[in-house]
């Protein structure tokens, strides 16, 4: 995976005109993970987002960034914003179109293992070793650790490798992983282009995760909340340090993305969470990866900045 090197994704390189303002195991793990995906959860529809003022603002910002070269004319994007407070989808742009998943597939692989652990607790155990492997996969985006998890899922399934991950996900939560395709492990060179998911898949997954509808929800949320380099909070001027993020980035020479839950607080100290997903995909590999991934990362930060300012106005956030 072309996960960014320490100097290839620096937020301060962004052209500031596009920002609108500056600014041991968990206790009782199994018990807190008991809220399973029982029945089909209700997911927000895109028709509300179509009339959203925020959707129009995001579309206008994307147009300006394309005109300014932060997003290429031949590049495809997908965006989704879901407000937990109202249960409404505020932004839905190309959200059902499958896009390359890159490392954003890694929490899905972990979730597949958690489904197996829930369904066969005597045969599939969530050990300290598995937990450390998941942390390497999600927090540090370690490709070898992800491939190890894929092997574990397949061993406890039908032995078909990556495809077993997709089968496990869709057999346990078919309403969530609708456009997800898992067909390859991550090659040694990190160039994984064939696994797919849509912005709406990530949104449905994150909604279910936050609401405790998936097995081991609290544990996976913990893993996604470990300190890392993200594109939806770090370098986003409007966000104060008090904002928490549970996310996973994805980076290749053809894909720049981030999907996560932002947990903000209003002036009364109450939590105001929302989902943010941003994906930028190009049809071929970038010649200068470092420059391309930095500019697209900052394009995602610009949209995240705009969304936070809108949420700040709605809920009097910090």
C-alpha atoms as a PDB file:
ATOM      1  CA  UNK A   1       0.000   0.000   0.000  1.00  0.00           C
ATOM      2  CA  UNK A   2       1.280   3.454  -0.763  1.00  0.00           C
ATOM      3  CA  UNK A   3       0.593   4.612   2.779  1.00  0.00           C
ATOM      4  CA  UNK A   4       2.040   8.074   3.099  1.00  0.00           C
ATOM      5  CA  UNK A   5       5.630   8.510   4.173  1.00  0.00           C
ATOM      6  CA  UNK A   6       6.284  11.011   6.983  1.00  0.00           C
ATOM      7  CA  UNK A   7       6.834  13.889   4.548  1.00  0.00           C
ATOM      8  CA  UNK A   8       4.394  12.996   1.783  1.00  0.00           C
ATOM      9  CA  UNK A   9       1.144  14.202   3.364  1.00  0.00           C
ATOM     10  CA  UNK A  10       1.858  17.479   5.106  1.00  0.00           C
ATOM     11  CA  UNK A  11      -1.285  19.575   5.739  1.00  0.00           C
ATOM     12  CA  UNK A  12       0.541  22.907   5.730  1.00  0.00           C
ATOM     13  CA  UNK A  13       1.341  22.538   2.026  1.00  0.00           C
ATOM     14  CA  UNK A  14      -2.298  23.240   1.207  1.00  0.00           C
ATOM     15  CA  UNK A  15      -3.200  26.443  -0.605  1.00  0.00           C
ATOM     16  CA  UNK A  16      -5.030  28.277   2.169  1.00  0.00           C
ATOM     17  CA  UNK A  17      -7.592  29.911  -0.135  1.00  0.00           C
ATOM     18  CA  UNK A  18      -9.614  26.700  -0.074  1.00  0.00           C
ATOM     19  CA  UNK A  19     -10.002  26.715   3.704  1.00  0.00           C
ATOM     20  CA  UNK A  20     -12.944  28.753   4.903  1.00  0.00           C
ATOM     21  CA  UNK A  21     -11.591  29.628   8.363  1.00  0.00           C
ATOM     22  CA  UNK A  22      -8.418  29.067  10.469  1.00  0.00           C
ATOM     23  CA  UNK A  23      -8.466  28.332  13.521  1.00  0.00           C
ATOM     24  CA  UNK A  24      -4.454  -5.024  28.462  1.00  0.00           C
ATOM     25  CA  UNK A  25      -8.155  -5.569  26.790  1.00  0.00           C
ATOM     26  CA  UNK A  26     -11.017  -3.187  27.261  1.00  0.00           C
ATOM     27  CA  UNK A  27     -13.073  -4.023  30.312  1.00  0.00           C
ATOM     28  CA  UNK A  28     -16.016  -6.292  29.668  1.00  0.00           C
ATOM     29  CA  UNK A  29     -15.158  -6.444  25.974  1.00  0.00           C
ATOM     30  CA  UNK A  30     -17.580  -9.169  25.032  1.00  0.00           C
ATOM     31  CA  UNK A  31     -20.371  -7.619  27.078  1.00  0.00           C
ATOM     32  CA  UNK A  32     -20.053  -4.221  25.462  1.00  0.00           C
ATOM     33  CA  UNK A  33     -19.916  -5.812  22.034  1.00  0.00           C
ATOM     34  CA  UNK A  34     -23.212  -7.601  22.424  1.00  0.00           C
ATOM     35  CA  UNK A  35     -25.232  -5.126  20.383  1.00  0.00           C
ATOM     36  CA  UNK A  36     -25.376  -7.136  17.164  1.00  0.00           C
ATOM     37  CA  UNK A  37     -26.729  -6.231  13.764  1.00  0.00           C
ATOM     38  CA  UNK A  38     -30.164  -7.631  14.557  1.00  0.00           C
ATOM     39  CA  UNK A  39     -32.414  -7.224  11.599  1.00  0.00           C
ATOM     40  CA  UNK A  40     -31.814  -4.526   9.019  1.00  0.00           C
ATOM     41  CA  UNK A  41     -30.933  -1.156  10.575  1.00  0.00           C
ATOM     42  CA  UNK A  42     -32.483   1.977   9.162  1.00  0.00           C
ATOM     43  CA  UNK A  43     -30.005   3.948   7.074  1.00  0.00           C
ATOM     44  CA  UNK A  44     -30.421   7.507   5.895  1.00  0.00           C
ATOM     45  CA  UNK A  45     -31.306   7.966   2.255  1.00  0.00           C
ATOM     46  CA  UNK A  46     -29.620  10.295  -0.191  1.00  0.00           C
ATOM     47  CA  UNK A  47     -32.836  12.080  -1.144  1.00  0.00           C
ATOM     48  CA  UNK A  48     -32.604  14.311   1.927  1.00  0.00           C
ATOM     49  CA  UNK A  49     -29.002  15.223   1.110  1.00  0.00           C
ATOM     50  CA  UNK A  50     -30.065  16.347  -2.369  1.00  0.00           C
ATOM     51  CA  UNK A  51     -31.936  19.265  -0.790  1.00  0.00           C
ATOM     52  CA  UNK A  52     -29.240  19.985   1.787  1.00  0.00           C
ATOM     53  CA  UNK A  53     -27.548  23.346   1.765  1.00  0.00           C
ATOM     54  CA  UNK A  54     -24.356  21.629   2.838  1.00  0.00           C
ATOM     55  CA  UNK A  55     -24.464  19.363  -0.207  1.00  0.00           C
ATOM     56  CA  UNK A  56     -24.603  22.427  -2.456  1.00  0.00           C
ATOM     57  CA  UNK A  57     -21.689  24.018  -0.619  1.00  0.00           C
ATOM     58  CA  UNK A  58     -19.600  20.863  -0.954  1.00  0.00           C
ATOM     59  CA  UNK A  59     -20.403  20.619  -4.670  1.00  0.00           C
ATOM     60  CA  UNK A  60     -19.382  24.242  -5.175  1.00  0.00           C
ATOM     61  CA  UNK A  61     -16.136  23.727  -3.253  1.00  0.00           C
ATOM     62  CA  UNK A  62     -15.325  20.651  -5.339  1.00  0.00           C
ATOM     63  CA  UNK A  63     -15.869  22.719  -8.480  1.00  0.00           C
ATOM     64  CA  UNK A  64     -13.465  25.386  -7.244  1.00  0.00           C
ATOM     65  CA  UNK A  65     -10.857  22.769  -6.339  1.00  0.00           C
ATOM     66  CA  UNK A  66     -11.130  21.168  -9.768  1.00  0.00           C
ATOM     67  CA  UNK A  67     -10.692  24.553 -11.361  1.00  0.00           C
ATOM     68  CA  UNK A  68      -7.651  25.161  -9.152  1.00  0.00           C
ATOM     69  CA  UNK A  69      -6.054  21.792  -9.861  1.00  0.00           C
ATOM     70  CA  UNK A  70      -6.439  20.267  -6.393  1.00  0.00           C
ATOM     71  CA  UNK A  71      -8.647  17.622  -8.005  1.00  0.00           C
ATOM     72  CA  UNK A  72      -7.933  16.504 -11.570  1.00  0.00           C
ATOM     73  CA  UNK A  73     -10.514  16.870 -14.316  1.00  0.00           C
ATOM     74  CA  UNK A  74     -10.354  13.117 -14.985  1.00  0.00           C
ATOM     75  CA  UNK A  75     -10.574  12.103 -11.348  1.00  0.00           C
ATOM     76  CA  UNK A  76     -13.678  10.639  -9.749  1.00  0.00           C
ATOM     77  CA  UNK A  77     -14.759  11.469  -6.236  1.00  0.00           C
ATOM     78  CA  UNK A  78     -17.308  10.239  -3.704  1.00  0.00           C
ATOM     79  CA  UNK A  79     -18.509  11.946  -0.526  1.00  0.00           C
ATOM     80  CA  UNK A  80     -20.862  11.137   2.316  1.00  0.00           C
ATOM     81  CA  UNK A  81     -21.766  12.973   5.513  1.00  0.00           C
ATOM     82  CA  UNK A  82     -24.242  11.563   8.039  1.00  0.00           C
ATOM     83  CA  UNK A  83     -25.523  13.454  11.086  1.00  0.00           C
ATOM     84  CA  UNK A  84     -26.177  11.130  14.047  1.00  0.00           C
ATOM     85  CA  UNK A  85     -28.138  13.814  15.911  1.00  0.00           C
ATOM     86  CA  UNK A  86     -30.884  14.045  13.293  1.00  0.00           C
ATOM     87  CA  UNK A  87     -30.342  10.704  11.555  1.00  0.00           C
ATOM     88  CA  UNK A  88     -30.069  12.574   8.253  1.00  0.00           C
ATOM     89  CA  UNK A  89     -27.653  12.264   5.349  1.00  0.00           C
ATOM     90  CA  UNK A  90     -26.299  15.757   4.736  1.00  0.00           C
ATOM     91  CA  UNK A  91     -24.023  14.983   1.788  1.00  0.00           C
ATOM     92  CA  UNK A  92     -24.378  12.173  -0.744  1.00  0.00           C
ATOM     93  CA  UNK A  93     -22.218  12.614  -3.839  1.00  0.00           C
ATOM     94  CA  UNK A  94     -21.525   9.480  -5.909  1.00  0.00           C
ATOM     95  CA  UNK A  95     -21.917   7.571  -2.675  1.00  0.00           C
ATOM     96  CA  UNK A  96     -23.103   4.292  -4.227  1.00  0.00           C
ATOM     97  CA  UNK A  97     -20.346   4.120  -6.858  1.00  0.00           C
ATOM     98  CA  UNK A  98     -17.727   1.460  -6.050  1.00  0.00           C
ATOM     99  CA  UNK A  99     -14.260   2.948  -5.667  1.00  0.00           C
ATOM    100  CA  UNK A 100     -10.886   1.408  -4.958  1.00  0.00           C
ATOM    101  CA  UNK A 101     -10.704   0.680  -1.245  1.00  0.00           C
ATOM    102  CA  UNK A 102      -6.940   0.651  -0.621  1.00  0.00           C
ATOM    103  CA  UNK A 103      -6.291   0.538   3.147  1.00  0.00           C
ATOM    104  CA  UNK A 104      -9.848   1.591   3.967  1.00  0.00           C
ATOM    105  CA  UNK A 105     -10.684  -2.113   3.534  1.00  0.00           C
ATOM    106  CA  UNK A 106      -8.690  -2.956   6.677  1.00  0.00           C
ATOM    107  CA  UNK A 107     -11.449  -2.292   9.251  1.00  0.00           C
ATOM    108  CA  UNK A 108     -13.743  -4.458   7.091  1.00  0.00           C
ATOM    109  CA  UNK A 109     -11.246  -7.330   7.345  1.00  0.00           C
ATOM    110  CA  UNK A 110     -11.168  -6.910  11.117  1.00  0.00           C
ATOM    111  CA  UNK A 111     -14.973  -6.859  11.197  1.00  0.00           C
ATOM    112  CA  UNK A 112     -15.078 -10.131   9.254  1.00  0.00           C
ATOM    113  CA  UNK A 113     -12.934 -11.738  11.951  1.00  0.00           C
ATOM    114  CA  UNK A 114     -15.211 -10.345  14.655  1.00  0.00           C
ATOM    115  CA  UNK A 115     -18.225 -11.877  12.908  1.00  0.00           C
ATOM    116  CA  UNK A 116     -16.473 -15.240  13.012  1.00  0.00           C
ATOM    117  CA  UNK A 117     -15.536 -14.797  16.674  1.00  0.00           C
ATOM    118  CA  UNK A 118     -19.155 -14.010  17.513  1.00  0.00           C
ATOM    119  CA  UNK A 119     -20.576 -16.886  15.474  1.00  0.00           C
ATOM    120  CA  UNK A 120     -18.090 -19.542  16.643  1.00  0.00           C
ATOM    121  CA  UNK A 121     -16.711 -18.387  20.016  1.00  0.00           C
ATOM    122  CA  UNK A 122     -15.287 -21.789  20.897  1.00  0.00           C
ATOM    123  CA  UNK A 123     -13.375 -22.083  17.628  1.00  0.00           C
ATOM    124  CA  UNK A 124     -12.456 -18.474  16.807  1.00  0.00           C
ATOM    125  CA  UNK A 125     -10.985 -16.519  19.700  1.00  0.00           C
ATOM    126  CA  UNK A 126     -10.040 -12.877  19.983  1.00  0.00           C
ATOM    127  CA  UNK A 127      -6.639 -13.254  21.598  1.00  0.00           C
ATOM    128  CA  UNK A 128      -4.006 -10.717  22.553  1.00  0.00           C
ATOM    129  CA  UNK A 129      -2.023 -11.772  19.480  1.00  0.00           C
ATOM    130  CA  UNK A 130      -4.983 -11.142  17.169  1.00  0.00           C
ATOM    131  CA  UNK A 131      -5.598  -7.808  18.843  1.00  0.00           C
ATOM    132  CA  UNK A 132      -1.988  -6.745  18.288  1.00  0.00           C
ATOM    133  CA  UNK A 133      -2.268  -7.812  14.647  1.00  0.00           C
ATOM    134  CA  UNK A 134      -5.408  -5.704  14.234  1.00  0.00           C
ATOM    135  CA  UNK A 135      -3.694  -2.699  15.808  1.00  0.00           C
ATOM    136  CA  UNK A 136      -0.793  -3.008  13.365  1.00  0.00           C
ATOM    137  CA  UNK A 137      -3.242  -3.318  10.493  1.00  0.00           C
ATOM    138  CA  UNK A 138      -5.491  -0.389  11.422  1.00  0.00           C
ATOM    139  CA  UNK A 139      -3.361   2.055  13.411  1.00  0.00           C
ATOM    140  CA  UNK A 140      -0.113   1.555  11.500  1.00  0.00           C
ATOM    141  CA  UNK A 141      -1.675   0.377   8.216  1.00  0.00           C
ATOM    142  CA  UNK A 142       0.662  -2.612   8.153  1.00  0.00           C
ATOM    143  CA  UNK A 143      -0.044  -4.651   5.036  1.00  0.00           C
ATOM    144  CA  UNK A 144       1.472  -7.881   6.343  1.00  0.00           C
ATOM    145  CA  UNK A 145      -0.754  -7.719   9.413  1.00  0.00           C
ATOM    146  CA  UNK A 146      -3.805  -7.240   7.181  1.00  0.00           C
ATOM    147  CA  UNK A 147      -2.857 -10.245   5.073  1.00  0.00           C
ATOM    148  CA  UNK A 148      -2.474 -12.266   8.264  1.00  0.00           C
ATOM    149  CA  UNK A 149      -6.022 -11.313   9.262  1.00  0.00           C
ATOM    150  CA  UNK A 150      -7.301 -12.280   5.810  1.00  0.00           C
ATOM    151  CA  UNK A 151      -5.644 -15.679   6.246  1.00  0.00           C
ATOM    152  CA  UNK A 152      -7.245 -16.116   9.663  1.00  0.00           C
ATOM    153  CA  UNK A 153     -10.705 -15.291   8.313  1.00  0.00           C
ATOM    154  CA  UNK A 154     -10.221 -17.691   5.422  1.00  0.00           C
ATOM    155  CA  UNK A 155      -8.913 -20.471   7.676  1.00  0.00           C
ATOM    156  CA  UNK A 156     -12.130 -20.341   9.686  1.00  0.00           C
ATOM    157  CA  UNK A 157     -14.249 -20.127   6.530  1.00  0.00           C
ATOM    158  CA  UNK A 158     -13.901 -22.015   3.232  1.00  0.00           C
ATOM    159  CA  UNK A 159     -10.198 -21.508   2.535  1.00  0.00           C
ATOM    160  CA  UNK A 160     -10.735 -19.279  -0.516  1.00  0.00           C
ATOM    161  CA  UNK A 161      -8.555 -16.433   0.698  1.00  0.00           C
ATOM    162  CA  UNK A 162      -9.708 -12.797   0.376  1.00  0.00           C
ATOM    163  CA  UNK A 163     -13.077 -13.747  -1.105  1.00  0.00           C
ATOM    164  CA  UNK A 164     -13.988 -15.339   2.225  1.00  0.00           C
ATOM    165  CA  UNK A 165     -13.767 -11.891   3.817  1.00  0.00           C
ATOM    166  CA  UNK A 166     -16.423 -10.589   1.443  1.00  0.00           C
ATOM    167  CA  UNK A 167     -18.616 -13.663   1.953  1.00  0.00           C
ATOM    168  CA  UNK A 168     -18.446 -13.344   5.747  1.00  0.00           C
ATOM    169  CA  UNK A 169     -19.282  -9.634   5.633  1.00  0.00           C
ATOM    170  CA  UNK A 170     -22.233 -10.016   3.278  1.00  0.00           C
ATOM    171  CA  UNK A 171     -23.654 -13.116   4.939  1.00  0.00           C
ATOM    172  CA  UNK A 172     -23.697 -11.382   8.326  1.00  0.00           C
ATOM    173  CA  UNK A 173     -24.585  -7.807   7.302  1.00  0.00           C
ATOM    174  CA  UNK A 174     -25.889  -7.756   3.719  1.00  0.00           C
ATOM    175  CA  UNK A 175     -27.522  -4.348   4.139  1.00  0.00           C
ATOM    176  CA  UNK A 176     -24.202  -2.770   5.107  1.00  0.00           C
ATOM    177  CA  UNK A 177     -21.583  -4.090   2.668  1.00  0.00           C
ATOM    178  CA  UNK A 178     -23.589  -3.731  -0.527  1.00  0.00           C
ATOM    179  CA  UNK A 179     -20.911  -2.584  -2.991  1.00  0.00           C
ATOM    180  CA  UNK A 180     -17.949  -4.151  -1.165  1.00  0.00           C
ATOM    181  CA  UNK A 181     -15.653  -6.433  -3.163  1.00  0.00           C
ATOM    182  CA  UNK A 182     -12.673  -8.180  -1.538  1.00  0.00           C
ATOM    183  CA  UNK A 183     -10.741 -10.144  -4.135  1.00  0.00           C
ATOM    184  CA  UNK A 184      -7.051  -9.707  -3.336  1.00  0.00           C
ATOM    185  CA  UNK A 185      -4.546  -9.593  -0.523  1.00  0.00           C
ATOM    186  CA  UNK A 186      -2.212  -6.607  -0.449  1.00  0.00           C
ATOM    187  CA  UNK A 187       0.789  -7.283  -2.699  1.00  0.00           C
ATOM    188  CA  UNK A 188       4.329  -6.864  -1.423  1.00  0.00           C
ATOM    189  CA  UNK A 189       4.653  -3.607  -3.373  1.00  0.00           C
ATOM    190  CA  UNK A 190       1.461  -2.278  -1.801  1.00  0.00           C
ATOM    191  CA  UNK A 191      -0.258  -1.734  -5.143  1.00  0.00           C
ATOM    192  CA  UNK A 192      -3.735  -2.955  -4.326  1.00  0.00           C
ATOM    193  CA  UNK A 193      -6.291  -1.651  -6.834  1.00  0.00           C
ATOM    194  CA  UNK A 194      -8.930  -4.405  -7.085  1.00  0.00           C
ATOM    195  CA  UNK A 195     -10.702  -4.350  -3.717  1.00  0.00           C
ATOM    196  CA  UNK A 196     -13.713  -2.037  -3.854  1.00  0.00           C
ATOM    197  CA  UNK A 197     -16.240  -0.332  -1.625  1.00  0.00           C
ATOM    198  CA  UNK A 198     -18.569   2.630  -1.912  1.00  0.00           C
ATOM    199  CA  UNK A 199     -18.776   5.719   0.258  1.00  0.00           C
ATOM    200  CA  UNK A 200     -22.188   4.474   1.308  1.00  0.00           C
ATOM    201  CA  UNK A 201     -20.713   1.112   2.393  1.00  0.00           C
ATOM    202  CA  UNK A 202     -18.337   2.974   4.690  1.00  0.00           C
ATOM    203  CA  UNK A 203     -21.159   5.165   5.964  1.00  0.00           C
ATOM    204  CA  UNK A 204     -23.436   2.228   6.743  1.00  0.00           C
ATOM    205  CA  UNK A 205     -20.551   0.436   8.429  1.00  0.00           C
ATOM    206  CA  UNK A 206     -19.679   3.452  10.572  1.00  0.00           C
ATOM    207  CA  UNK A 207     -23.323   4.034  11.544  1.00  0.00           C
ATOM    208  CA  UNK A 208     -23.643   0.408  12.614  1.00  0.00           C
ATOM    209  CA  UNK A 209     -20.324   0.570  14.450  1.00  0.00           C
ATOM    210  CA  UNK A 210     -21.256   3.705  16.383  1.00  0.00           C
ATOM    211  CA  UNK A 211     -24.670   2.341  17.285  1.00  0.00           C
ATOM    212  CA  UNK A 212     -23.204  -0.945  18.553  1.00  0.00           C
ATOM    213  CA  UNK A 213     -24.967  -3.075  15.966  1.00  0.00           C
ATOM    214  CA  UNK A 214     -21.848  -5.011  14.996  1.00  0.00           C
ATOM    215  CA  UNK A 215     -20.059  -7.611  17.130  1.00  0.00           C
ATOM    216  CA  UNK A 216     -17.118  -6.139  19.028  1.00  0.00           C
ATOM    217  CA  UNK A 217     -18.191  -2.634  18.031  1.00  0.00           C
ATOM    218  CA  UNK A 218     -16.497  -0.990  20.991  1.00  0.00           C
ATOM    219  CA  UNK A 219     -13.238  -2.792  20.329  1.00  0.00           C
ATOM    220  CA  UNK A 220     -13.129  -1.886  16.646  1.00  0.00           C
ATOM    221  CA  UNK A 221     -14.031   1.703  17.468  1.00  0.00           C
ATOM    222  CA  UNK A 222     -11.151   1.705  19.944  1.00  0.00           C
ATOM    223  CA  UNK A 223      -8.739   0.412  17.295  1.00  0.00           C
ATOM    224  CA  UNK A 224      -9.888   3.024  14.768  1.00  0.00           C
ATOM    225  CA  UNK A 225      -9.467   5.722  17.418  1.00  0.00           C
ATOM    226  CA  UNK A 226      -5.805   4.979  18.108  1.00  0.00           C
ATOM    227  CA  UNK A 227      -3.476   7.866  17.163  1.00  0.00           C
ATOM    228  CA  UNK A 228      -2.653   7.909  13.453  1.00  0.00           C
ATOM    229  CA  UNK A 229      -2.273  10.286  10.508  1.00  0.00           C
ATOM    230  CA  UNK A 230      -5.716  11.228   9.227  1.00  0.00           C
ATOM    231  CA  UNK A 231      -7.152  13.570   6.612  1.00  0.00           C
ATOM    232  CA  UNK A 232     -10.377  14.632   8.270  1.00  0.00           C
ATOM    233  CA  UNK A 233      -9.107  16.223  11.499  1.00  0.00           C
ATOM    234  CA  UNK A 234      -5.343  16.795  11.318  1.00  0.00           C
ATOM    235  CA  UNK A 235      -4.598  19.940   9.357  1.00  0.00           C
ATOM    236  CA  UNK A 236      -8.264  20.995   9.401  1.00  0.00           C
ATOM    237  CA  UNK A 237      -8.173  24.533  10.712  1.00  0.00           C
ATOM    238  CA  UNK A 238     -11.719  24.810  12.006  1.00  0.00           C
ATOM    239  CA  UNK A 239     -11.449  21.770  14.299  1.00  0.00           C
ATOM    240  CA  UNK A 240     -10.259  22.247  17.889  1.00  0.00           C
ATOM    241  CA  UNK A 241      -7.959  19.731  19.558  1.00  0.00           C
ATOM    242  CA  UNK A 242     -10.899  18.400  21.594  1.00  0.00           C
ATOM    243  CA  UNK A 243     -12.397  16.719  18.503  1.00  0.00           C
ATOM    244  CA  UNK A 244     -11.902  12.940  18.383  1.00  0.00           C
ATOM    245  CA  UNK A 245     -11.749  10.876  15.212  1.00  0.00           C
ATOM    246  CA  UNK A 246     -12.236   7.157  14.555  1.00  0.00           C
ATOM    247  CA  UNK A 247     -11.015   6.576  11.022  1.00  0.00           C
ATOM    248  CA  UNK A 248      -8.989   4.728   8.412  1.00  0.00           C
ATOM    249  CA  UNK A 249      -7.195   6.319   5.493  1.00  0.00           C
ATOM    250  CA  UNK A 250      -6.516   4.734   2.136  1.00  0.00           C
ATOM    251  CA  UNK A 251      -3.580   5.662  -0.119  1.00  0.00           C
ATOM    252  CA  UNK A 252      -2.274   4.343  -3.409  1.00  0.00           C
ATOM    253  CA  UNK A 253      -0.951   6.020  -6.541  1.00  0.00           C
ATOM    254  CA  UNK A 254      -4.557   5.950  -7.799  1.00  0.00           C
ATOM    255  CA  UNK A 255      -6.589   6.500  -4.631  1.00  0.00           C
ATOM    256  CA  UNK A 256      -6.709   8.979  -1.765  1.00  0.00           C
ATOM    257  CA  UNK A 257      -9.409   8.574   0.844  1.00  0.00           C
ATOM    258  CA  UNK A 258     -10.464   8.675   4.456  1.00  0.00           C
ATOM    259  CA  UNK A 259     -13.552   7.401   6.200  1.00  0.00           C
ATOM    260  CA  UNK A 260     -14.390   7.976   9.808  1.00  0.00           C
ATOM    261  CA  UNK A 261     -16.537   9.262  12.632  1.00  0.00           C
ATOM    262  CA  UNK A 262     -15.919  12.751  13.975  1.00  0.00           C
ATOM    263  CA  UNK A 263     -16.870  13.150  17.629  1.00  0.00           C
ATOM    264  CA  UNK A 264     -17.228  16.854  18.331  1.00  0.00           C
ATOM    265  CA  UNK A 265     -18.722  18.584  21.382  1.00  0.00           C
ATOM    266  CA  UNK A 266     -21.014  21.550  21.704  1.00  0.00           C
ATOM    267  CA  UNK A 267     -20.539  24.432  24.112  1.00  0.00           C
ATOM    268  CA  UNK A 268     -22.411  22.462  26.795  1.00  0.00           C
ATOM    269  CA  UNK A 269     -19.972  19.583  26.510  1.00  0.00           C
ATOM    270  CA  UNK A 270     -22.435  17.238  24.800  1.00  0.00           C
ATOM    271  CA  UNK A 271     -21.188  14.856  22.111  1.00  0.00           C
ATOM    272  CA  UNK A 272     -22.111  15.646  18.494  1.00  0.00           C
ATOM    273  CA  UNK A 273     -20.904  12.791  16.270  1.00  0.00           C
ATOM    274  CA  UNK A 274     -21.111  12.586  12.504  1.00  0.00           C
ATOM    275  CA  UNK A 275     -19.753  10.427   9.686  1.00  0.00           C
ATOM    276  CA  UNK A 276     -17.417  11.833   7.069  1.00  0.00           C
ATOM    277  CA  UNK A 277     -16.240   9.917   3.984  1.00  0.00           C
ATOM    278  CA  UNK A 278     -14.127  11.404   1.202  1.00  0.00           C
ATOM    279  CA  UNK A 279     -12.646   9.495  -1.749  1.00  0.00           C
ATOM    280  CA  UNK A 280     -10.644  10.734  -4.735  1.00  0.00           C
ATOM    281  CA  UNK A 281      -9.724   8.209  -7.434  1.00  0.00           C
ATOM    282  CA  UNK A 282      -7.742   8.622 -10.652  1.00  0.00           C
ATOM    283  CA  UNK A 283      -7.824   6.279 -13.690  1.00  0.00           C
ATOM    284  CA  UNK A 284      -4.076   5.652 -13.725  1.00  0.00           C
ATOM    285  CA  UNK A 285      -1.095   5.901 -11.412  1.00  0.00           C
ATOM    286  CA  UNK A 286       0.197   9.347 -10.495  1.00  0.00           C
ATOM    287  CA  UNK A 287       3.664  10.070 -11.837  1.00  0.00           C
ATOM    288  CA  UNK A 288       4.653  12.040  -8.752  1.00  0.00           C
ATOM    289  CA  UNK A 289       2.998  10.176  -5.904  1.00  0.00           C
ATOM    290  CA  UNK A 290       4.121  12.475  -3.077  1.00  0.00           C
ATOM    291  CA  UNK A 291       2.780  15.611  -4.753  1.00  0.00           C
ATOM    292  CA  UNK A 292      -0.443  13.973  -5.875  1.00  0.00           C
ATOM    293  CA  UNK A 293      -1.303  12.387  -2.510  1.00  0.00           C
ATOM    294  CA  UNK A 294      -0.525  15.618  -0.645  1.00  0.00           C
ATOM    295  CA  UNK A 295      -2.808  17.738  -2.843  1.00  0.00           C
ATOM    296  CA  UNK A 296      -5.669  15.224  -2.738  1.00  0.00           C
ATOM    297  CA  UNK A 297      -5.285  14.789   1.014  1.00  0.00           C
ATOM    298  CA  UNK A 298      -5.613  18.537   1.401  1.00  0.00           C
ATOM    299  CA  UNK A 299      -8.659  18.551  -0.861  1.00  0.00           C
ATOM    300  CA  UNK A 300     -10.281  16.097   1.560  1.00  0.00           C
ATOM    301  CA  UNK A 301      -9.239  18.330   4.453  1.00  0.00           C
ATOM    302  CA  UNK A 302     -10.869  21.312   2.746  1.00  0.00           C
ATOM    303  CA  UNK A 303     -14.200  19.485   2.497  1.00  0.00           C
ATOM    304  CA  UNK A 304     -13.875  18.272   6.094  1.00  0.00           C
ATOM    305  CA  UNK A 305     -13.230  21.867   7.164  1.00  0.00           C
ATOM    306  CA  UNK A 306     -16.372  23.029   5.383  1.00  0.00           C
ATOM    307  CA  UNK A 307     -18.465  20.263   6.937  1.00  0.00           C
ATOM    308  CA  UNK A 308     -17.221  21.030  10.431  1.00  0.00           C
ATOM    309  CA  UNK A 309     -18.056  24.716  10.039  1.00  0.00           C
ATOM    310  CA  UNK A 310     -21.592  23.760   8.986  1.00  0.00           C
ATOM    311  CA  UNK A 311     -21.948  21.427  11.971  1.00  0.00           C
ATOM    312  CA  UNK A 312     -20.553  24.158  14.205  1.00  0.00           C
ATOM    313  CA  UNK A 313     -23.312  26.514  13.096  1.00  0.00           C
ATOM    314  CA  UNK A 314     -25.987  23.844  13.539  1.00  0.00           C
ATOM    315  CA  UNK A 315     -24.967  22.717  17.040  1.00  0.00           C
ATOM    316  CA  UNK A 316     -22.826  25.523  18.493  1.00  0.00           C
ATOM    317  CA  UNK A 317     -19.759  23.336  18.538  1.00  0.00           C
ATOM    318  CA  UNK A 318     -16.552  24.300  20.257  1.00  0.00           C
END
